[in-house]
Amino acid sequence: MKKSNLFYTGLFLSALLLSCSDDNKDENGGGKTDDLAEEYYSGGKLGTTFSTTTFAYEQPTPVVDEDPEMSLQFKYGEAFFEKEFTSNTSGVRHGLGPAFVRSSCITCHPGYGHGKRMDRYRAKDHGNGYLLVVTDENDNFVPQLTGMPQTQAIAPFLPPIDESGIKIEWKEYTDEFGNKFPDGETYSLIYPEVTIDRSAFNVPMPDFYKVRLEATIGIYGTGLLDAIPDDSLLAQYEKEKKLGYKLNDAKYQPENFIKEADGTSHPGRYTYGLTRGTLQNGPGSNAIWNITNVTRSDRRYHYVTEAYAVAMSQNKDIQKSLGKTEKEIYDYLMSKELTPELSDEDYINFMVWHRGLAVPAARDLDNDQVKRGKEMFYSIGCTSCHRPTWTTGADDYKGDDKVKGKLPRYPHQKIWPYTDLLQHRLEMVNNIRTGWCRTTPLWGRGLSEKCTGAGDHLHDMRARNYNEAIMWHGGDGKYAREKYRNLSKEDRAALIKFLESI
């Protein structure tokens, strides 16, 4: 991460910059910015960075910036995201394997953003944020593989899947409108089809299996989403339910809430599948364990399946190389009492970094084209799912007593993530598993190409730009898509300009 000074990003007018000084610094961690509309503060006063550089997604929030101890923890924690883990048995970032998805987090999150669209699956390709989704005929994960299947391993172990047998084919798609707007402008749509040769599996597989892709999402601002009260989430669900939207009702029944390590239960708010209820037990908290298979005090076991343990323990070459019996290898792979490889201190630093990432401020909102685009965004119904604003609560965050009282907090902030945090159906060809997908936050996405080198969208990065992303919308998004389709070319361009600005 390269730090960008709040006041020298070149984002705003020089008159505003000249008004900033220590004498008028406010308690929320920023210069005097009374001139700016609140909408510029995507992450509120406590969670916004004004960097527009290639490092815009990597900046700490003002809360972190103003706390010297927390700033140091942020830097330490950041290293666990950016640097590779190794198979060493001691030292910094040791413990990789035996099987693993990636050796570093940043491989999947280039520039701290979304993964990139890829033509092949190679775990070591920088920016390949794809995770394999291997399911049975009922869309359930096949039990022989982990939910995020591994394609790498530390010798002599073999990966569950040999990635040389994975094939990604991008296919052209023609929609019901012939890929043409009423004014004659055309567009292109593509989607991936993925296959894995049966010979590529190093574990027994069922007769039928289906493979899809899901890409990683941006990680900046996730701490602010965690600060939204559960009651607000449930109120949004009830509101949309009354409006007749097709929602995944089961996710919002108390008996299906996600149970956390501290005994609390919460509705899902993270991942496409809403499988995580708090950031403290969220995608990052789990990924630092299951992506690398690096154990810690609350995860003293490997992220592997029993089928994998059986296959590896029965492999004669592995037995010979390790000088271990079948039982010894099996017991090692399935043990629940492994020595922690990531210390609690390092994990807490990682979580300070994770919860401490700021959201880039909105840009150019006073531009006439952007203002017109905003008008279109609101008028055609995009806000039905991409809810512009939320207000955080007291942010007495839950999920894990280990980090209680040690992470940055964002109480009572008006934030602008542009998501309802609920699941909808988009009804796309070769759809996401189960068909349900959480509305992705739009904040900061306009900087994606600058920060990550790519501007792809949707769960498998099939959309190469905003226009394609909108035209893929079905289900609850169909109404807004139809309105967008019938806009003039100028108004479509204005709407996209607005999206690029928030």
Protein backbone atom coordinates (compact mmCIF):
# COMPACT_ATOMS: atom_id res chain seq x y z
CA MET A 1 0.00 0.00 0.00
CA LYS A 2 1.17 3.49 -0.81
CA LYS A 3 -0.32 6.17 1.39
CA SER A 4 -2.05 9.05 -0.34
CA ASN A 5 -2.25 12.32 1.55
CA LEU A 6 -5.82 13.39 2.11
CA PHE A 7 -5.22 16.95 1.01
CA TYR A 8 -3.02 16.52 -2.05
CA THR A 9 -4.88 14.17 -4.34
CA GLY A 10 -5.84 16.76 -6.88
CA LEU A 11 -9.46 15.74 -6.60
CA PHE A 12 -10.97 19.02 -5.59
CA LEU A 13 -10.63 22.69 -6.39
CA SER A 14 -7.58 24.50 -5.13
CA ALA A 15 -9.82 26.82 -3.15
CA LEU A 16 -11.01 23.90 -1.09
CA LEU A 17 -7.47 22.70 -0.50
CA LEU A 18 -6.40 26.11 0.68
CA SER A 19 -9.18 26.11 3.26
CA CYS A 20 -7.72 23.07 5.03
CA SER A 21 -5.53 23.58 8.07
CA ASP A 22 -4.87 22.10 11.48
CA ASP A 23 -6.89 24.90 13.05
CA ASN A 24 -10.12 23.87 11.39
CA LYS A 25 -9.64 20.11 11.48
CA ASP A 26 -12.80 18.37 12.65
CA GLU A 27 -13.12 15.52 15.12
CA ASN A 28 -14.09 13.05 12.41
CA GLY A 29 -10.62 12.90 10.94
CA GLY A 30 -10.37 15.16 7.95
CA GLY A 31 -9.81 18.72 6.91
CA LYS A 32 -12.60 21.26 6.94
CA THR A 33 -14.79 20.20 4.04
CA ASP A 34 -18.01 22.09 4.69
CA ASP A 35 -18.07 23.00 1.01
CA LEU A 36 -18.61 19.39 -0.03
CA ALA A 37 -22.02 17.76 -0.20
CA GLU A 38 -22.35 14.72 2.07
CA GLU A 39 -22.72 12.53 -1.01
CA TYR A 40 -19.01 12.94 -1.70
CA TYR A 41 -18.30 11.10 1.55
CA SER A 42 -19.01 7.59 0.29
CA GLY A 43 -17.79 6.10 3.57
CA GLY A 44 -18.99 8.94 5.79
CA LYS A 45 -16.64 11.31 7.57
CA LEU A 46 -14.94 8.40 9.36
CA GLY A 47 -14.51 6.05 6.42
CA THR A 48 -13.69 8.04 3.28
CA THR A 49 -10.39 8.58 1.49
CA PHE A 50 -9.94 11.32 -1.10
CA SER A 51 -7.24 9.48 -2.98
CA THR A 52 -7.91 9.00 -6.69
CA THR A 53 -4.56 7.36 -7.47
CA THR A 54 -3.93 3.75 -8.41
CA PHE A 55 -3.72 3.12 -4.66
CA ALA A 56 -7.18 4.51 -3.89
CA TYR A 57 -8.55 1.17 -2.65
CA GLU A 58 -5.60 0.65 -0.29
CA GLN A 59 -5.97 3.64 2.00
CA PRO A 60 -6.73 3.55 5.74
CA THR A 61 -9.80 5.28 7.08
CA PRO A 62 -9.44 8.53 9.04
CA VAL A 63 -10.17 6.50 12.18
CA VAL A 64 -7.03 4.45 11.58
CA ASP A 65 -5.01 7.41 10.34
CA GLU A 66 -5.52 9.37 13.56
CA ASP A 67 -4.54 6.53 15.88
CA PRO A 68 -0.74 5.90 15.82
CA GLU A 69 -0.99 2.44 17.36
CA MET A 70 -3.79 1.38 15.03
CA SER A 71 -1.90 2.79 12.04
CA LEU A 72 1.05 0.56 12.89
CA GLN A 73 -1.23 -2.46 13.26
CA PHE A 74 -2.80 -1.59 9.89
CA LYS A 75 0.62 -1.71 8.23
CA TYR A 76 1.51 -5.01 9.89
CA GLY A 77 -1.85 -6.51 8.97
CA GLU A 78 -1.57 -5.33 5.41
CA ALA A 79 1.55 -7.42 4.90
CA PHE A 80 -0.48 -10.58 5.52
CA PHE A 81 -2.71 -9.58 2.62
CA GLU A 82 0.00 -8.49 0.20
CA LYS A 83 2.82 -10.97 0.83
CA GLU A 84 2.98 -14.65 -0.01
CA PHE A 85 2.69 -17.37 2.60
CA THR A 86 5.31 -20.11 2.47
CA SER A 87 5.44 -23.79 3.35
CA ASN A 88 8.12 -23.13 5.97
CA THR A 89 7.41 -24.51 9.42
CA SER A 90 8.47 -21.29 11.16
CA GLY A 91 9.07 -17.64 10.46
CA VAL A 92 6.83 -14.92 9.05
CA ARG A 93 3.81 -16.11 7.04
CA HIS A 94 4.63 -19.80 7.34
CA GLY A 95 2.32 -22.80 7.22
CA LEU A 96 1.04 -22.78 3.63
CA GLY A 97 -0.74 -25.99 2.62
CA PRO A 98 -0.88 -28.95 2.41
CA ALA A 99 -3.48 -28.02 -0.24
CA PHE A 100 -4.32 -24.38 -0.89
CA VAL A 101 -6.27 -22.07 -3.18
CA ARG A 102 -3.73 -19.22 -3.36
CA SER A 103 -0.48 -18.39 -1.59
CA SER A 104 -1.45 -14.72 -1.15
CA CYS A 105 -4.65 -12.71 -0.88
CA ILE A 106 -3.62 -10.00 -3.33
CA THR A 107 -3.35 -12.52 -6.16
CA CYS A 108 -7.16 -12.68 -6.14
CA HIS A 109 -7.69 -9.01 -5.26
CA PRO A 110 -5.41 -6.98 -7.56
CA GLY A 111 -5.12 -3.46 -6.24
CA TYR A 112 -7.43 -4.54 -3.40
CA GLY A 113 -10.34 -4.73 -5.84
CA HIS A 114 -12.29 -7.33 -7.77
CA GLY A 115 -10.70 -10.19 -9.62
CA LYS A 116 -10.19 -9.85 -13.37
CA ARG A 117 -11.87 -11.73 -16.18
CA MET A 118 -9.61 -14.58 -17.28
CA ASP A 119 -9.36 -16.89 -20.29
CA ARG A 120 -7.74 -19.67 -18.29
CA TYR A 121 -7.61 -20.87 -14.70
CA ARG A 122 -4.14 -20.64 -13.26
CA ALA A 123 -3.93 -19.89 -9.55
CA LYS A 124 -0.61 -18.09 -9.91
CA ASP A 125 -1.84 -15.66 -12.58
CA HIS A 126 -1.96 -12.29 -10.84
CA GLY A 127 -5.48 -10.91 -10.81
CA ASN A 128 -7.12 -14.29 -11.25
CA GLY A 129 -9.78 -13.87 -8.60
CA TYR A 130 -11.81 -16.80 -9.81
CA LEU A 131 -12.95 -19.45 -7.39
CA LEU A 132 -14.27 -22.72 -8.76
CA VAL A 133 -17.81 -23.71 -7.86
CA VAL A 134 -18.30 -27.46 -8.32
CA THR A 135 -21.82 -28.71 -7.65
CA ASP A 136 -24.09 -31.70 -8.08
CA GLU A 137 -27.37 -31.83 -10.02
CA ASN A 138 -29.15 -30.05 -7.13
CA ASP A 139 -26.66 -27.17 -6.98
CA ASN A 140 -25.15 -28.45 -3.74
CA PHE A 141 -21.37 -28.43 -3.40
CA VAL A 142 -19.93 -31.86 -4.09
CA PRO A 143 -18.73 -33.24 -0.72
CA GLN A 144 -15.49 -34.60 -2.15
CA LEU A 145 -14.19 -31.03 -2.59
CA THR A 146 -14.06 -28.02 -0.32
CA GLY A 147 -16.50 -25.20 -1.06
CA MET A 148 -13.57 -23.28 -2.54
CA PRO A 149 -11.68 -26.07 -4.31
CA GLN A 150 -7.90 -26.09 -4.21
CA THR A 151 -5.71 -26.46 -7.28
CA GLN A 152 -2.31 -26.22 -5.57
CA ALA A 153 -0.47 -28.28 -2.97
CA ILE A 154 2.84 -28.60 -1.18
CA ALA A 155 4.75 -31.70 -2.34
CA PRO A 156 4.42 -34.57 -1.91
CA PHE A 157 0.70 -33.87 -1.53
CA LEU A 158 -1.41 -33.45 -4.66
CA PRO A 159 -4.03 -30.75 -5.16
CA PRO A 160 -7.64 -31.98 -5.23
CA ILE A 161 -7.81 -30.60 -8.79
CA ASP A 162 -5.01 -30.42 -11.33
CA GLU A 163 -5.66 -27.01 -12.86
CA SER A 164 -4.21 -28.06 -16.22
CA GLY A 165 -7.49 -29.92 -16.70
CA ILE A 166 -9.63 -26.80 -16.21
CA LYS A 167 -10.95 -25.13 -19.35
CA ILE A 168 -12.73 -21.77 -19.63
CA GLU A 169 -14.57 -21.01 -22.85
CA TRP A 170 -16.14 -17.59 -23.42
CA LYS A 171 -19.29 -17.79 -25.50
CA GLU A 172 -21.20 -15.07 -27.31
CA TYR A 173 -24.77 -14.50 -26.19
CA THR A 174 -27.60 -12.86 -28.09
CA ASP A 175 -30.39 -11.53 -25.90
CA GLU A 176 -34.08 -11.14 -26.72
CA PHE A 177 -33.39 -7.73 -28.27
CA GLY A 178 -30.75 -8.98 -30.66
CA ASN A 179 -28.09 -7.07 -28.69
CA LYS A 180 -29.42 -3.81 -30.09
CA PHE A 181 -30.91 -0.72 -28.47
CA PRO A 182 -34.04 0.83 -30.00
CA ASP A 183 -31.88 3.66 -31.38
CA GLY A 184 -29.78 1.16 -33.31
CA GLU A 185 -26.65 1.08 -31.13
CA THR A 186 -25.38 -2.47 -30.63
CA TYR A 187 -23.62 -4.21 -27.77
CA SER A 188 -21.95 -7.56 -27.14
CA LEU A 189 -22.59 -10.07 -24.36
CA ILE A 190 -20.41 -13.02 -23.37
CA TYR A 191 -20.52 -15.64 -20.63
CA PRO A 192 -18.17 -18.42 -19.47
CA GLU A 193 -18.60 -22.14 -19.70
CA VAL A 194 -16.19 -24.10 -17.52
CA THR A 195 -15.27 -27.76 -17.65
CA ILE A 196 -12.87 -29.90 -15.65
CA ASP A 197 -11.55 -33.13 -17.12
CA ARG A 198 -12.43 -36.07 -14.92
CA SER A 199 -8.78 -37.11 -15.02
CA ALA A 200 -7.85 -33.79 -13.36
CA PHE A 201 -9.40 -34.79 -10.03
CA ASN A 202 -7.20 -36.37 -7.38
CA VAL A 203 -10.24 -37.36 -5.33
CA PRO A 204 -13.12 -39.65 -6.34
CA MET A 205 -15.93 -37.68 -8.00
CA PRO A 206 -19.63 -38.39 -8.56
CA ASP A 207 -20.88 -39.29 -12.02
CA PHE A 208 -22.36 -35.81 -12.50
CA TYR A 209 -20.79 -32.52 -11.56
CA LYS A 210 -21.16 -28.98 -12.85
CA VAL A 211 -18.55 -26.22 -12.76
CA ARG A 212 -19.07 -22.47 -12.55
CA LEU A 213 -16.92 -19.47 -11.69
CA GLU A 214 -17.30 -16.86 -8.98
CA ALA A 215 -14.94 -13.91 -8.79
CA THR A 216 -13.67 -12.15 -5.70
CA ILE A 217 -15.17 -8.78 -4.85
CA GLY A 218 -13.57 -5.56 -3.62
CA ILE A 219 -12.65 -5.45 0.05
CA TYR A 220 -12.49 -1.70 0.74
CA GLY A 221 -15.31 -0.40 2.93
CA THR A 222 -16.39 -3.78 4.26
CA GLY A 223 -15.96 -2.52 7.81
CA LEU A 224 -18.52 0.18 7.14
CA LEU A 225 -21.03 -2.37 5.88
CA ASP A 226 -20.45 -4.30 9.10
CA ALA A 227 -21.47 -1.19 11.04
CA ILE A 228 -24.99 -1.20 9.57
CA PRO A 229 -27.36 -2.52 12.28
CA ASP A 230 -29.02 -5.89 11.76
CA ASP A 231 -32.39 -4.21 12.34
CA SER A 232 -31.77 -1.93 9.38
CA LEU A 233 -31.01 -4.93 7.16
CA LEU A 234 -34.18 -6.70 8.24
CA ALA A 235 -36.23 -3.52 7.74
CA GLN A 236 -34.92 -3.31 4.17
CA TYR A 237 -35.96 -6.91 3.60
CA GLU A 238 -39.46 -6.22 4.93
CA LYS A 239 -39.77 -3.09 2.79
CA GLU A 240 -38.85 -4.88 -0.42
CA LYS A 241 -41.02 -7.86 0.49
CA LYS A 242 -44.05 -5.57 0.79
CA LEU A 243 -43.23 -4.13 -2.63
CA GLY A 244 -43.49 -7.61 -4.11
CA TYR A 245 -39.83 -8.27 -4.88
CA LYS A 246 -38.78 -11.88 -5.19
CA LEU A 247 -36.40 -12.38 -2.29
CA ASN A 248 -34.70 -15.37 -0.73
CA ASP A 249 -37.00 -15.42 2.28
CA ALA A 250 -35.22 -18.26 4.07
CA LYS A 251 -32.16 -16.06 4.59
CA TYR A 252 -34.12 -13.69 6.81
CA GLN A 253 -35.72 -16.17 9.18
CA PRO A 254 -34.09 -16.06 12.64
CA GLU A 255 -33.54 -19.82 12.68
CA ASN A 256 -31.35 -19.42 9.59
CA PHE A 257 -29.23 -16.56 10.89
CA ILE A 258 -25.50 -17.17 11.00
CA LYS A 259 -24.19 -18.24 14.39
CA GLU A 260 -20.92 -16.59 15.37
CA ALA A 261 -18.05 -17.62 17.63
CA ASP A 262 -19.17 -15.19 20.35
CA GLY A 263 -22.62 -16.78 20.54
CA THR A 264 -24.48 -14.08 18.62
CA SER A 265 -26.53 -14.68 15.47
CA HIS A 266 -26.88 -12.35 12.50
CA PRO A 267 -28.54 -12.20 9.08
CA GLY A 268 -26.11 -12.65 6.21
CA ARG A 269 -24.61 -9.57 4.60
CA TYR A 270 -21.37 -10.76 2.96
CA THR A 271 -20.61 -12.93 -0.10
CA TYR A 272 -22.85 -13.49 -3.10
CA GLY A 273 -24.58 -16.23 -1.11
CA LEU A 274 -24.99 -14.17 2.10
CA THR A 275 -23.06 -16.84 3.98
CA ARG A 276 -21.34 -14.46 6.41
CA GLY A 277 -23.07 -12.26 8.97
CA THR A 278 -20.23 -10.18 10.39
CA LEU A 279 -16.86 -9.03 9.15
CA GLN A 280 -15.26 -10.64 12.21
CA ASN A 281 -16.38 -13.99 10.78
CA GLY A 282 -16.52 -12.73 7.24
CA PRO A 283 -14.88 -13.62 3.93
CA GLY A 284 -11.50 -12.12 4.88
CA SER A 285 -11.44 -13.61 8.36
CA ASN A 286 -12.03 -17.02 6.85
CA ALA A 287 -9.94 -16.55 3.72
CA ILE A 288 -6.73 -15.92 5.65
CA TRP A 289 -7.28 -19.49 6.87
CA ASN A 290 -9.02 -21.47 4.12
CA ILE A 291 -7.39 -19.89 1.07
CA THR A 292 -3.90 -20.59 2.43
CA ASN A 293 -4.71 -23.44 4.86
CA VAL A 294 -2.72 -21.62 7.53
CA THR A 295 -4.03 -22.64 10.95
CA ARG A 296 -4.70 -20.32 13.88
CA SER A 297 -5.93 -20.69 17.45
CA ASP A 298 -9.61 -20.85 16.46
CA ARG A 299 -8.97 -22.87 13.29
CA ARG A 300 -6.68 -25.67 14.40
CA TYR A 301 -7.53 -27.88 11.45
CA HIS A 302 -7.01 -28.06 7.71
CA TYR A 303 -9.50 -26.89 5.14
CA VAL A 304 -9.74 -30.28 3.42
CA THR A 305 -12.39 -32.94 2.96
CA GLU A 306 -12.35 -36.47 4.28
CA ALA A 307 -12.28 -37.71 0.68
CA TYR A 308 -9.05 -35.80 0.17
CA ALA A 309 -7.53 -37.16 3.39
CA VAL A 310 -8.39 -40.72 2.36
CA ALA A 311 -7.01 -40.29 -1.16
CA MET A 312 -3.74 -38.72 0.00
CA SER A 313 -3.19 -41.15 2.87
CA GLN A 314 -3.64 -44.12 0.54
CA ASN A 315 -1.23 -42.75 -2.07
CA LYS A 316 1.90 -44.95 -1.96
CA ASP A 317 4.17 -42.21 -3.34
CA ILE A 318 3.10 -39.84 -0.57
CA GLN A 319 3.59 -42.53 2.08
CA LYS A 320 7.08 -43.22 0.78
CA SER A 321 8.05 -39.56 0.49
CA LEU A 322 6.87 -38.69 3.99
CA GLY A 323 7.95 -41.96 5.58
CA LYS A 324 4.51 -42.15 7.20
CA THR A 325 1.80 -44.78 7.37
CA GLU A 326 -1.65 -44.38 5.87
CA LYS A 327 -3.12 -43.79 9.33
CA GLU A 328 -0.50 -41.21 10.28
CA ILE A 329 -1.12 -39.20 7.11
CA TYR A 330 -4.89 -39.43 7.49
CA ASP A 331 -4.75 -38.38 11.14
CA TYR A 332 -2.55 -35.40 10.27
CA LEU A 333 -4.86 -34.20 7.52
CA MET A 334 -8.00 -34.59 9.65
CA SER A 335 -6.59 -33.46 12.99
CA LYS A 336 -8.52 -30.84 14.99
CA GLU A 337 -5.55 -30.08 17.24
CA LEU A 338 -2.90 -28.75 14.89
CA THR A 339 -0.42 -26.17 16.13
CA PRO A 340 -1.55 -22.62 15.23
CA GLU A 341 0.62 -21.14 12.47
CA LEU A 342 -0.80 -17.61 12.50
CA SER A 343 -0.49 -15.96 15.91
CA ASP A 344 -3.42 -14.17 17.54
CA GLU A 345 -1.45 -10.91 17.40
CA ASP A 346 -0.89 -11.25 13.67
CA TYR A 347 -4.53 -12.15 13.11
CA ILE A 348 -5.71 -9.10 15.06
CA ASN A 349 -3.40 -6.89 13.00
CA PHE A 350 -4.86 -8.42 9.86
CA MET A 351 -8.38 -7.63 11.04
CA VAL A 352 -7.42 -4.04 11.95
CA TRP A 353 -6.24 -3.66 8.37
CA HIS A 354 -9.34 -5.39 6.98
CA ARG A 355 -11.82 -3.28 8.94
CA GLY A 356 -9.68 -0.20 8.45
CA LEU A 357 -9.85 0.11 4.66
CA ALA A 358 -11.46 3.33 3.47
CA VAL A 359 -13.85 3.91 0.57
CA PRO A 360 -12.81 6.34 -2.18
CA ALA A 361 -14.82 9.54 -2.19
CA ALA A 362 -17.29 10.18 -4.99
CA ARG A 363 -15.98 12.41 -7.76
CA ASP A 364 -17.31 15.01 -10.20
CA LEU A 365 -20.82 15.02 -8.79
CA ASP A 366 -21.26 18.65 -9.87
CA ASN A 367 -20.53 17.79 -13.50
CA ASP A 368 -23.62 18.35 -15.66
CA GLN A 369 -23.41 14.95 -17.34
CA VAL A 370 -22.96 13.23 -13.97
CA LYS A 371 -25.96 15.10 -12.56
CA ARG A 372 -28.04 14.00 -15.54
CA GLY A 373 -26.84 10.44 -15.03
CA LYS A 374 -27.83 10.55 -11.38
CA GLU A 375 -31.29 11.69 -12.39
CA MET A 376 -31.55 8.70 -14.74
CA PHE A 377 -30.22 6.28 -12.11
CA TYR A 378 -32.93 7.31 -9.68
CA SER A 379 -35.78 7.71 -12.16
CA ILE A 380 -35.52 4.36 -13.95
CA GLY A 381 -35.50 2.33 -10.74
CA CYS A 382 -31.85 1.36 -10.18
CA THR A 383 -32.19 2.40 -6.54
CA SER A 384 -34.75 -0.35 -5.95
CA CYS A 385 -31.84 -2.76 -5.40
CA HIS A 386 -28.86 -0.41 -5.41
CA ARG A 387 -30.02 1.52 -2.36
CA PRO A 388 -27.85 4.66 -2.25
CA THR A 389 -27.45 5.32 1.47
CA TRP A 390 -27.40 3.66 4.86
CA THR A 391 -26.68 4.99 8.33
CA THR A 392 -24.41 2.99 10.58
CA GLY A 393 -25.36 2.27 14.17
CA ALA A 394 -23.28 2.38 17.34
CA ASP A 395 -20.97 -0.16 15.68
CA ASP A 396 -20.49 -2.34 18.73
CA TYR A 397 -19.30 -5.02 16.35
CA LYS A 398 -19.88 -8.69 17.10
CA GLY A 399 -18.72 -12.06 15.89
CA ASP A 400 -15.45 -12.81 17.67
CA ASP A 401 -14.44 -11.98 21.25
CA LYS A 402 -10.79 -12.24 20.23
CA VAL A 403 -10.95 -8.90 18.41
CA LYS A 404 -13.55 -7.21 20.61
CA GLY A 405 -12.58 -3.61 21.36
CA LYS A 406 -9.47 -3.80 19.16
CA LEU A 407 -10.74 -2.83 15.71
CA PRO A 408 -11.67 0.53 14.13
CA ARG A 409 -15.30 1.61 14.57
CA TYR A 410 -17.59 3.77 12.44
CA PRO A 411 -20.57 4.86 14.55
CA HIS A 412 -23.44 6.95 13.18
CA GLN A 413 -22.11 7.56 9.69
CA LYS A 414 -24.18 8.22 6.58
CA ILE A 415 -22.57 6.07 3.92
CA TRP A 416 -23.24 5.62 0.19
CA PRO A 417 -22.59 2.00 -0.86
CA TYR A 418 -25.42 1.69 -3.41
CA THR A 419 -26.62 -1.75 -2.36
CA ASP A 420 -29.58 -3.13 -0.45
CA LEU A 421 -27.39 -6.03 0.78
CA LEU A 422 -30.17 -8.45 -0.16
CA GLN A 423 -30.24 -11.34 -2.61
CA HIS A 424 -32.05 -11.11 -5.93
CA ARG A 425 -32.38 -13.28 -9.02
CA LEU A 426 -30.79 -11.90 -12.18
CA GLU A 427 -31.88 -14.86 -14.33
CA MET A 428 -28.78 -15.06 -16.52
CA VAL A 429 -27.67 -17.88 -18.77
CA ASN A 430 -25.25 -20.18 -16.93
CA ASN A 431 -26.32 -18.44 -13.76
CA ILE A 432 -24.70 -18.16 -10.35
CA ARG A 433 -25.17 -21.17 -8.07
CA THR A 434 -28.74 -21.25 -6.65
CA GLY A 435 -29.68 -18.28 -8.85
CA TRP A 436 -29.59 -15.90 -5.89
CA CYS A 437 -26.98 -13.13 -5.77
CA ARG A 438 -26.42 -10.36 -3.25
CA THR A 439 -26.54 -6.86 -4.72
CA THR A 440 -22.94 -5.77 -5.14
CA PRO A 441 -21.99 -2.34 -3.71
CA LEU A 442 -21.24 0.16 -6.47
CA TRP A 443 -19.14 2.59 -4.43
CA GLY A 444 -15.64 3.07 -5.76
CA ARG A 445 -16.14 0.84 -8.80
CA GLY A 446 -15.47 3.72 -11.17
CA LEU A 447 -11.81 3.56 -10.14
CA SER A 448 -11.49 -0.16 -10.83
CA GLU A 449 -9.66 0.09 -14.13
CA LYS A 450 -7.17 2.53 -12.64
CA CYS A 451 -6.62 0.53 -9.45
CA THR A 452 -6.80 -3.05 -10.74
CA GLY A 453 -6.22 -2.84 -14.47
CA ALA A 454 -9.69 -4.13 -15.31
CA GLY A 455 -13.27 -2.89 -15.20
CA ASP A 456 -15.14 -6.20 -15.30
CA HIS A 457 -18.45 -6.73 -13.49
CA LEU A 458 -20.91 -9.33 -12.17
CA HIS A 459 -20.28 -12.52 -10.26
CA ASP A 460 -18.13 -14.18 -12.93
CA MET A 461 -16.80 -11.01 -14.56
CA ARG A 462 -18.80 -11.68 -17.72
CA ALA A 463 -19.63 -7.99 -18.13
CA ARG A 464 -16.69 -6.04 -19.53
CA ASN A 465 -18.23 -2.64 -18.82
CA TYR A 466 -21.20 -1.02 -17.11
CA ASN A 467 -23.34 -1.19 -20.24
CA GLU A 468 -23.01 -4.97 -20.48
CA ALA A 469 -23.58 -5.36 -16.74
CA ILE A 470 -26.89 -3.51 -16.97
CA MET A 471 -28.03 -5.47 -20.01
CA TRP A 472 -27.41 -8.76 -18.18
CA HIS A 473 -29.94 -7.79 -15.51
CA GLY A 474 -33.06 -9.93 -15.36
CA GLY A 475 -35.37 -10.81 -12.50
CA ASP A 476 -35.90 -7.85 -10.19
CA GLY A 477 -33.48 -5.87 -12.35
CA LYS A 478 -35.49 -6.34 -15.53
CA TYR A 479 -37.67 -3.25 -15.05
CA ALA A 480 -34.68 -0.92 -14.68
CA ARG A 481 -32.94 -2.64 -17.58
CA GLU A 482 -35.96 -1.96 -19.82
CA LYS A 483 -36.02 1.67 -18.80
CA TYR A 484 -32.30 1.95 -19.47
CA ARG A 485 -32.65 0.26 -22.85
CA ASN A 486 -35.16 2.86 -23.95
CA LEU A 487 -33.11 5.87 -22.86
CA SER A 488 -31.42 7.98 -25.49
CA LYS A 489 -27.79 7.23 -26.23
CA GLU A 490 -26.84 10.45 -24.43
CA ASP A 491 -28.78 9.53 -21.30
CA ARG A 492 -27.31 6.03 -21.22
CA ALA A 493 -23.85 7.57 -21.41
CA ALA A 494 -24.76 9.99 -18.62
CA LEU A 495 -25.96 7.19 -16.35
CA ILE A 496 -22.70 5.32 -16.88
CA LYS A 497 -20.76 8.51 -16.18
CA PHE A 498 -22.60 8.74 -12.86
CA LEU A 499 -21.69 5.14 -12.02
CA GLU A 500 -18.07 5.92 -12.80
CA SER A 501 -18.23 8.87 -10.39
CA ILE A 502 -19.61 7.19 -7.28
